[in-house]
Protein backbone atom coordinates (compact mmCIF):
# COMPACT_ATOMS: atom_id res chain seq x y z
CA MET A 1 22.86 45.53 -87.83
CA SER A 2 26.66 45.08 -87.86
CA ALA A 3 28.81 47.55 -85.97
CA GLU A 4 30.41 50.34 -87.99
CA ARG A 5 34.07 50.15 -88.80
CA PHE A 6 35.94 53.14 -90.20
CA GLU A 7 39.03 52.97 -92.39
CA ILE A 8 41.18 55.69 -93.96
CA VAL A 9 42.62 54.73 -97.34
CA ARG A 10 46.08 56.23 -97.75
CA THR A 11 47.68 54.20 -100.56
CA GLY A 12 47.00 53.53 -104.20
CA GLU A 13 47.21 49.80 -103.53
CA ARG A 14 44.39 49.91 -100.98
CA LEU A 15 42.40 52.20 -103.27
CA ALA A 16 42.55 49.49 -105.94
CA GLU A 17 41.63 46.72 -103.48
CA VAL A 18 38.40 48.41 -102.39
CA GLY A 19 37.41 49.08 -106.00
CA PRO A 20 34.75 46.35 -106.32
CA ALA A 21 32.99 47.27 -103.05
CA TRP A 22 33.17 50.99 -103.84
CA THR A 23 31.84 50.47 -107.36
CA ALA A 24 28.92 48.42 -106.05
CA LEU A 25 28.06 51.21 -103.59
CA TRP A 26 28.41 53.84 -106.31
CA ARG A 27 26.01 52.01 -108.62
CA GLU A 28 23.53 51.39 -105.80
CA SER A 29 23.53 55.03 -104.70
CA GLY A 30 23.14 56.55 -108.18
CA ALA A 31 25.92 59.05 -107.43
CA LEU A 32 27.72 60.98 -110.15
CA VAL A 33 30.83 59.59 -111.81
CA PHE A 34 32.94 62.10 -109.86
CA GLN A 35 32.31 60.02 -106.72
CA SER A 36 33.20 56.69 -108.35
CA GLN A 37 36.30 54.72 -107.40
CA ALA A 38 37.30 54.52 -111.05
CA TRP A 39 37.33 58.32 -111.41
CA ILE A 40 39.41 58.90 -108.30
CA ALA A 41 41.78 56.04 -109.13
CA ALA A 42 42.31 57.48 -112.62
CA TRP A 43 43.15 60.85 -111.09
CA TRP A 44 45.53 59.35 -108.54
CA ALA A 45 47.33 57.28 -111.18
CA THR A 46 47.96 60.31 -113.41
CA VAL A 47 48.28 63.30 -111.07
CA PRO A 48 51.61 64.97 -111.97
CA ASP A 49 52.51 66.36 -108.51
CA ARG A 50 51.75 63.39 -106.28
CA GLU A 51 54.67 64.25 -103.99
CA ARG A 52 52.55 67.16 -102.70
CA ARG A 53 49.49 65.01 -102.11
CA ALA A 54 48.17 62.24 -99.87
CA LEU A 55 44.99 60.19 -99.95
CA GLN A 56 42.66 60.59 -96.95
CA ILE A 57 39.63 58.59 -98.11
CA VAL A 58 37.32 57.56 -95.27
CA LEU A 59 35.37 54.32 -95.68
CA ALA A 60 32.54 53.10 -93.48
CA TRP A 61 32.01 49.34 -93.32
CA ARG A 62 29.21 47.31 -91.77
CA GLY A 63 30.50 43.77 -91.78
CA ASP A 64 31.82 43.17 -95.28
CA ALA A 65 29.55 45.81 -96.83
CA LEU A 66 30.87 49.24 -97.73
CA VAL A 67 28.12 51.72 -96.85
CA ALA A 68 29.72 55.18 -97.19
CA VAL A 69 32.76 56.97 -98.62
CA LEU A 70 34.21 60.41 -97.91
CA PRO A 71 36.62 60.80 -100.86
CA MET A 72 39.22 63.21 -99.49
CA ALA A 73 42.89 63.98 -100.10
CA THR A 74 45.44 66.51 -98.90
CA CYS A 75 47.60 68.86 -100.92
CA ARG A 76 50.50 70.95 -99.63
CA ARG A 77 50.07 74.59 -100.58
CA LYS A 78 52.22 77.39 -99.23
CA GLY A 79 53.30 75.26 -96.31
CA LEU A 80 49.77 74.20 -95.36
CA ARG A 81 48.27 70.72 -95.59
CA LEU A 82 44.94 71.43 -97.26
CA LEU A 83 42.21 68.79 -97.05
CA GLU A 84 39.98 68.80 -100.14
CA TRP A 85 37.98 66.49 -102.37
CA ALA A 86 40.02 63.73 -103.97
CA ALA A 87 40.37 64.53 -107.69
CA LYS A 88 39.15 68.06 -106.90
CA ASP A 89 40.69 69.57 -110.03
CA HIS A 90 38.61 67.25 -112.23
CA THR A 91 35.46 67.12 -110.09
CA ASP A 92 32.70 69.57 -110.95
CA TYR A 93 30.45 68.49 -108.08
CA GLY A 94 32.08 67.30 -104.85
CA ASP A 95 30.19 65.04 -102.46
CA ALA A 96 30.20 62.02 -100.20
CA LEU A 97 28.96 58.60 -101.28
CA LEU A 98 26.27 57.06 -99.11
CA ALA A 99 23.85 54.14 -99.27
CA GLY A 100 20.45 55.44 -98.19
CA ASP A 101 19.98 58.46 -95.96
CA ASP A 102 22.13 58.44 -92.83
CA PRO A 103 23.62 61.90 -92.24
CA GLY A 104 24.72 60.84 -88.77
CA LEU A 105 27.04 58.27 -90.32
CA LEU A 106 28.77 60.94 -92.41
CA ARG A 107 29.23 63.08 -89.30
CA ARG A 108 30.84 60.18 -87.45
CA MET A 109 33.14 59.56 -90.40
CA TRP A 110 34.08 63.25 -90.37
CA GLY A 111 34.81 63.05 -86.65
CA HIS A 112 37.04 60.02 -87.27
CA LEU A 113 39.01 61.83 -89.98
CA SER A 114 39.30 64.98 -87.86
CA ALA A 115 40.71 62.98 -84.95
CA ALA A 116 43.19 61.19 -87.24
CA GLY A 117 44.56 64.54 -88.42
CA GLY A 118 47.19 65.00 -91.08
CA PHE A 119 45.82 68.34 -92.29
CA ASP A 120 45.75 71.99 -91.22
CA LEU A 121 42.91 73.46 -93.24
CA VAL A 122 39.76 72.10 -94.92
CA TYR A 123 38.33 73.45 -98.16
CA LEU A 124 35.23 71.70 -99.51
CA ASN A 125 33.85 73.34 -102.62
CA ARG A 126 31.35 72.79 -105.43
CA LEU A 127 28.59 71.44 -103.21
CA LEU A 128 25.22 71.20 -104.91
CA PRO A 129 22.16 72.26 -102.88
CA GLY A 130 21.23 68.61 -102.36
CA ALA A 131 24.73 67.27 -101.67
CA LYS A 132 24.87 64.54 -99.02
CA ALA A 133 28.03 66.14 -97.62
CA ARG A 134 25.93 69.06 -96.39
CA ALA A 135 25.25 66.84 -93.37
CA LEU A 136 28.70 67.98 -92.18
CA LEU A 137 27.67 71.64 -92.10
CA ASP A 138 25.14 71.68 -89.26
CA PRO A 139 27.05 73.27 -86.33
CA SER A 140 24.61 71.79 -83.82
CA GLN A 141 25.23 68.24 -85.05
CA ALA A 142 28.68 68.16 -86.59
CA ALA A 143 31.56 66.27 -85.03
CA GLY A 144 35.20 67.06 -85.71
CA VAL A 145 36.46 70.13 -87.54
CA ARG A 146 33.72 72.73 -87.85
CA LEU A 147 33.04 73.93 -91.39
CA ARG A 148 32.02 77.51 -92.12
CA PRO A 149 30.71 79.10 -95.34
CA ASN A 150 33.44 80.43 -97.62
CA HIS A 151 33.08 83.25 -100.13
CA ARG A 152 34.27 81.20 -103.13
CA SER A 153 30.89 80.09 -104.45
CA GLU A 154 30.63 79.03 -108.10
CA VAL A 155 27.77 78.60 -110.54
CA SER A 156 26.46 75.84 -112.77
CA PHE A 157 24.37 76.78 -115.80
CA ARG A 158 21.73 74.42 -117.23
CA VAL A 159 19.26 74.18 -120.08
CA ALA A 160 15.96 72.79 -118.81
CA GLY A 161 12.46 73.02 -120.25
CA ASP A 162 9.55 71.15 -121.75
CA TRP A 163 10.34 71.45 -125.47
CA PRO A 164 8.91 68.43 -127.31
CA THR A 165 11.78 68.31 -129.82
CA GLY A 166 15.19 69.80 -130.41
CA GLU A 167 13.77 71.72 -133.34
CA ALA A 168 11.19 73.26 -131.00
CA TRP A 169 14.02 74.36 -128.71
CA VAL A 170 15.79 76.08 -131.61
CA ALA A 171 12.54 77.79 -132.60
CA ALA A 172 12.22 79.12 -129.05
CA GLN A 173 15.59 80.90 -129.27
CA SER A 174 15.89 84.55 -130.23
CA LYS A 175 15.96 85.55 -133.87
CA LYS A 176 19.59 86.65 -133.49
CA THR A 177 20.61 83.30 -131.99
CA ARG A 178 18.95 81.38 -134.82
CA GLN A 179 20.60 83.62 -137.40
CA ASN A 180 24.03 83.21 -135.79
CA TYR A 181 23.57 79.43 -135.79
CA ARG A 182 22.75 79.35 -139.50
CA ARG A 183 25.54 81.81 -140.34
CA GLY A 184 28.03 79.73 -138.40
CA GLN A 185 27.02 76.59 -140.26
CA LYS A 186 27.25 78.43 -143.59
CA PHE A 187 30.67 79.95 -142.84
CA ILE A 188 32.23 76.67 -141.72
CA GLY A 189 30.54 74.79 -144.57
CA GLU A 190 32.26 77.04 -147.12
CA SER A 191 35.52 75.23 -146.27
CA GLY A 192 34.09 71.75 -146.83
CA PRO A 193 31.21 69.43 -145.94
CA LEU A 194 29.96 70.11 -142.40
CA ARG A 195 28.89 67.19 -140.22
CA PHE A 196 27.72 66.88 -136.61
CA ARG A 197 27.86 63.43 -135.10
CA LEU A 198 27.91 61.41 -131.91
CA LEU A 199 30.93 59.13 -131.92
CA PRO A 200 29.94 55.44 -131.67
CA PRO A 201 30.97 53.53 -128.52
CA ASP A 202 33.66 51.58 -130.39
CA ALA A 203 35.22 54.66 -132.02
CA PRO A 204 38.94 55.10 -131.24
CA MET A 205 39.10 58.04 -128.84
CA GLU A 206 42.84 58.72 -128.79
CA PRO A 207 42.96 60.75 -132.07
CA VAL A 208 39.96 62.78 -130.89
CA LEU A 209 41.54 63.46 -127.49
CA LEU A 210 44.86 64.43 -129.05
CA ARG A 211 43.03 66.93 -131.26
CA LEU A 212 41.01 68.19 -128.28
CA ALA A 213 44.11 68.65 -126.10
CA ASP A 214 45.95 70.49 -128.88
CA LEU A 215 43.03 72.88 -129.41
CA LYS A 216 42.62 73.35 -125.67
CA ARG A 217 46.30 74.22 -125.19
CA LYS A 218 46.03 76.89 -127.88
CA TRP A 219 42.93 78.34 -126.22
CA LEU A 220 44.54 78.31 -122.77
CA ALA A 221 47.69 79.99 -124.08
CA GLY A 222 45.62 82.66 -125.82
CA ASN A 223 43.80 83.39 -122.57
CA GLN A 224 46.90 83.14 -120.34
CA LEU A 225 45.50 80.14 -118.47
CA GLU A 226 46.92 76.75 -117.53
CA SER A 227 45.55 73.25 -116.98
CA ASN A 228 47.72 70.15 -116.63
CA LEU A 229 44.80 68.06 -117.92
CA TYR A 230 45.81 69.08 -121.45
CA ASP A 231 49.61 69.03 -121.13
CA GLU A 232 51.33 67.36 -124.05
CA GLY A 233 51.95 63.74 -123.15
CA SER A 234 49.73 63.83 -120.06
CA PRO A 235 47.72 60.61 -119.60
CA ALA A 236 45.07 62.24 -117.38
CA LEU A 237 42.47 63.20 -120.00
CA SER A 238 42.59 59.77 -121.65
CA ALA A 239 42.29 58.05 -118.27
CA LEU A 240 39.22 60.05 -117.25
CA VAL A 241 37.50 59.63 -120.61
CA ARG A 242 38.22 55.90 -120.41
CA VAL A 243 36.29 55.82 -117.13
CA LEU A 244 33.32 57.48 -118.85
CA ALA A 245 33.50 54.97 -121.69
CA GLU A 246 33.88 51.88 -119.49
CA THR A 247 30.93 52.91 -117.31
CA GLY A 248 28.76 53.42 -120.41
CA LEU A 249 28.23 57.11 -119.66
CA LEU A 250 30.33 58.68 -122.43
CA ARG A 251 28.74 60.79 -125.16
CA ALA A 252 31.42 62.35 -127.38
CA PHE A 253 30.18 64.84 -129.98
CA VAL A 254 32.21 66.31 -132.83
CA LEU A 255 31.63 68.94 -135.49
CA GLU A 256 33.67 68.13 -138.58
CA CYS A 257 34.52 70.17 -141.65
CA ASP A 258 35.70 68.03 -144.55
CA GLY A 259 36.47 65.25 -142.08
CA VAL A 260 38.54 67.44 -139.72
CA ILE A 261 37.30 68.15 -136.19
CA VAL A 262 36.59 71.87 -135.73
CA ALA A 263 34.79 71.48 -132.39
CA VAL A 264 34.48 68.67 -129.86
CA SER A 265 32.55 68.14 -126.64
CA ILE A 266 33.23 65.25 -124.27
CA ASN A 267 29.95 64.73 -122.43
CA PHE A 268 28.33 62.06 -120.29
CA VAL A 269 24.76 61.15 -119.37
CA GLN A 270 23.53 60.43 -115.86
CA ALA A 271 20.11 60.71 -114.22
CA GLY A 272 18.41 61.89 -117.41
CA THR A 273 20.89 64.75 -117.80
CA MET A 274 23.46 65.51 -120.49
CA MET A 275 26.58 66.78 -118.74
CA ALA A 276 29.21 68.69 -120.73
CA PHE A 277 32.63 67.84 -119.28
CA VAL A 278 35.09 69.32 -121.82
CA THR A 279 34.33 71.47 -124.87
CA THR A 280 36.67 73.24 -127.28
CA TYR A 281 36.94 74.43 -130.88
CA ASP A 282 39.43 75.30 -133.61
CA PRO A 283 40.27 79.05 -133.49
CA ALA A 284 40.93 78.97 -137.24
CA PHE A 285 37.14 78.78 -137.66
CA GLU A 286 36.32 81.29 -134.94
CA ARG A 287 34.28 83.50 -137.29
CA GLY A 288 31.85 80.61 -137.66
CA SER A 289 31.56 80.05 -133.88
CA PRO A 290 32.01 76.27 -134.16
CA GLY A 291 31.71 75.83 -130.40
CA MET A 292 28.31 77.53 -130.42
CA VAL A 293 27.16 75.48 -133.41
CA LEU A 294 28.21 72.24 -131.71
CA MET A 295 26.46 73.21 -128.47
CA MET A 296 23.21 73.91 -130.28
CA ASP A 297 23.55 70.60 -132.12
CA TYR A 298 24.06 68.48 -129.01
CA ILE A 299 21.37 70.34 -127.06
CA GLN A 300 18.92 69.47 -129.85
CA TRP A 301 20.15 65.88 -129.84
CA SER A 302 19.71 65.64 -126.07
CA ILE A 303 16.13 66.91 -126.18
CA ASP A 304 15.30 64.52 -129.02
CA GLN A 305 16.64 61.66 -126.88
CA GLY A 306 14.27 62.56 -124.04
CA LEU A 307 16.89 64.02 -121.68
CA HIS A 308 15.28 66.63 -119.43
CA THR A 309 18.38 68.75 -118.73
CA VAL A 310 21.67 69.80 -120.30
CA ASP A 311 24.12 70.64 -117.53
CA PHE A 312 27.20 72.69 -118.43
CA LEU A 313 28.74 71.73 -115.06
CA CYS A 314 30.89 74.13 -113.06
CA GLY A 315 31.92 77.49 -114.46
CA ALA A 316 30.38 80.85 -115.31
CA GLU A 317 31.81 81.22 -118.81
CA ALA A 318 29.73 83.44 -121.07
CA PHE A 319 29.21 80.73 -123.68
CA LYS A 320 27.42 78.62 -121.05
CA SER A 321 25.07 81.37 -119.90
CA ARG A 322 24.07 82.12 -123.51
CA PHE A 323 21.64 79.19 -123.65
CA ALA A 324 21.00 78.58 -119.95
CA THR A 325 17.46 78.72 -118.64
CA THR A 326 18.46 78.16 -115.02
CA SER A 327 21.50 78.10 -112.76
CA VAL A 328 22.57 76.53 -109.49
CA THR A 329 24.96 78.01 -106.94
CA LEU A 330 27.73 75.69 -105.76
CA ASP A 331 28.77 76.51 -102.22
CA ALA A 332 32.18 76.26 -100.58
CA PHE A 333 33.11 75.71 -96.93
CA MET A 334 36.30 76.02 -94.95
CA GLY A 335 37.49 74.83 -91.55
CA ARG A 336 40.71 74.87 -89.54
CA ARG A 337 42.26 72.09 -87.50
CA THR A 338 45.60 73.59 -86.44
CA LEU A 339 46.96 77.01 -85.54
CA PRO A 340 48.51 77.49 -89.02
CA GLY A 341 45.11 76.61 -90.49
CA ALA A 342 43.38 79.12 -88.21
CA ALA A 343 45.87 81.81 -89.27
CA ALA A 344 45.23 81.03 -92.93
CA MET A 345 41.46 81.29 -92.45
CA MET A 346 41.86 84.61 -90.66
CA LEU A 347 44.07 85.95 -93.44
CA ASP A 348 41.58 84.76 -96.05
CA SER A 349 38.74 86.59 -94.27
CA TRP A 350 40.82 89.73 -93.88
CA ASN A 351 41.80 89.77 -97.55
CA LEU A 352 38.13 89.51 -98.50
CA VAL A 353 37.31 92.51 -96.30
CA VAL A 354 40.18 94.51 -97.84
CA ARG A 355 39.07 93.63 -101.38
CA ASP A 356 35.51 94.69 -100.62
CA MET A 357 36.68 97.99 -99.12
CA ARG A 358 38.92 98.71 -102.09
CA ARG A 359 36.17 97.81 -104.54
CA ARG A 360 33.76 100.20 -102.86
CA SER A 361 36.36 102.95 -102.80
CA GLY A 362 37.49 102.32 -106.37
CA THR A 363 41.05 101.46 -105.30
CA PRO A 364 42.72 98.60 -107.22
CA PRO A 365 43.21 95.44 -105.13
CA PRO A 366 46.68 94.68 -103.75
CA GLN A 367 48.88 92.40 -105.83
CA VAL A 368 49.59 90.08 -102.92
CA ALA A 369 48.17 86.55 -103.06
CA ALA A 370 46.52 85.27 -99.92
CA ALA A 371 48.50 82.52 -98.25
CA SER A 372 45.26 80.67 -97.70
CA GLU A 373 44.04 80.76 -101.30
CA ALA A 374 42.46 77.37 -101.79
CA ALA A 375 40.60 77.63 -105.05
């Protein structure tokens, strides 16, 4: 076996050069699209605040073969250099990329990155229970910066069961859910012909994405939220959806009323699972719950296609839990490399204690943001 050679990718040019080897490893490993070179390159090419960021992607080579990737990057926040997943803001499940099962290799890569430095604090979040990167968490084995559990866990809701058809799944829902579905269809249909469809692979996506981004901006503004993924003129959403299309994973569903999109869901399929990446709807039709109608339509479609799970990805929004039959907790971990990083971790822990004490006593939490807030 060839000796290991580690490399840290720090430039967009080198990221592009290793694309073929990385893509071959990604396909061999069966990893999610979030760990693909194309996904991370699309993020890096479109990220709006690149001056705050730096690539820290660790590659492991054996001869000319790429055998593992730790896709990391740093971001400056409140004076700290925070090490996190590359493309973290658009990655629902963070992980390493590895050919086969060699947790020791990932630990050695982590030790190499820790020794190279360039960061104060580590925040690795959205780890699935079976994530390969969990090899870095064993304190008795880990090399480099030690990672400790962090309180910022998240949840992923899924629909999973043994329904023979989509119609059987609908029949298994509560009477109220079935009635709401039919009422929603009827209400929207009063404004024109209602149609649910999967967009064909050769369908032009740009008009759909422009409509999606416009609807999403309205929803975000109404809920006092922000996301640069949907900023007017931003190329990020188109770039990421292009990756899904070019890898053959994309499944874009629309609900149309008289030819106008009233709800849209950009999904992708991997490992027998329908994954819902971005979903939104037209608030002008809110009484008809077009988002709910579209979800029920594509869940039925997925079951009819033999997919065993519909995964709503990261986020505990109520509309996801409405249909979920199971959920998965996504863990987060933090570690410090420098004294400023250690101070930030201590402040983060102290703020959690204070919040818990105030919650138990009924006192409102302080309006001071933690300097170490990483999420």
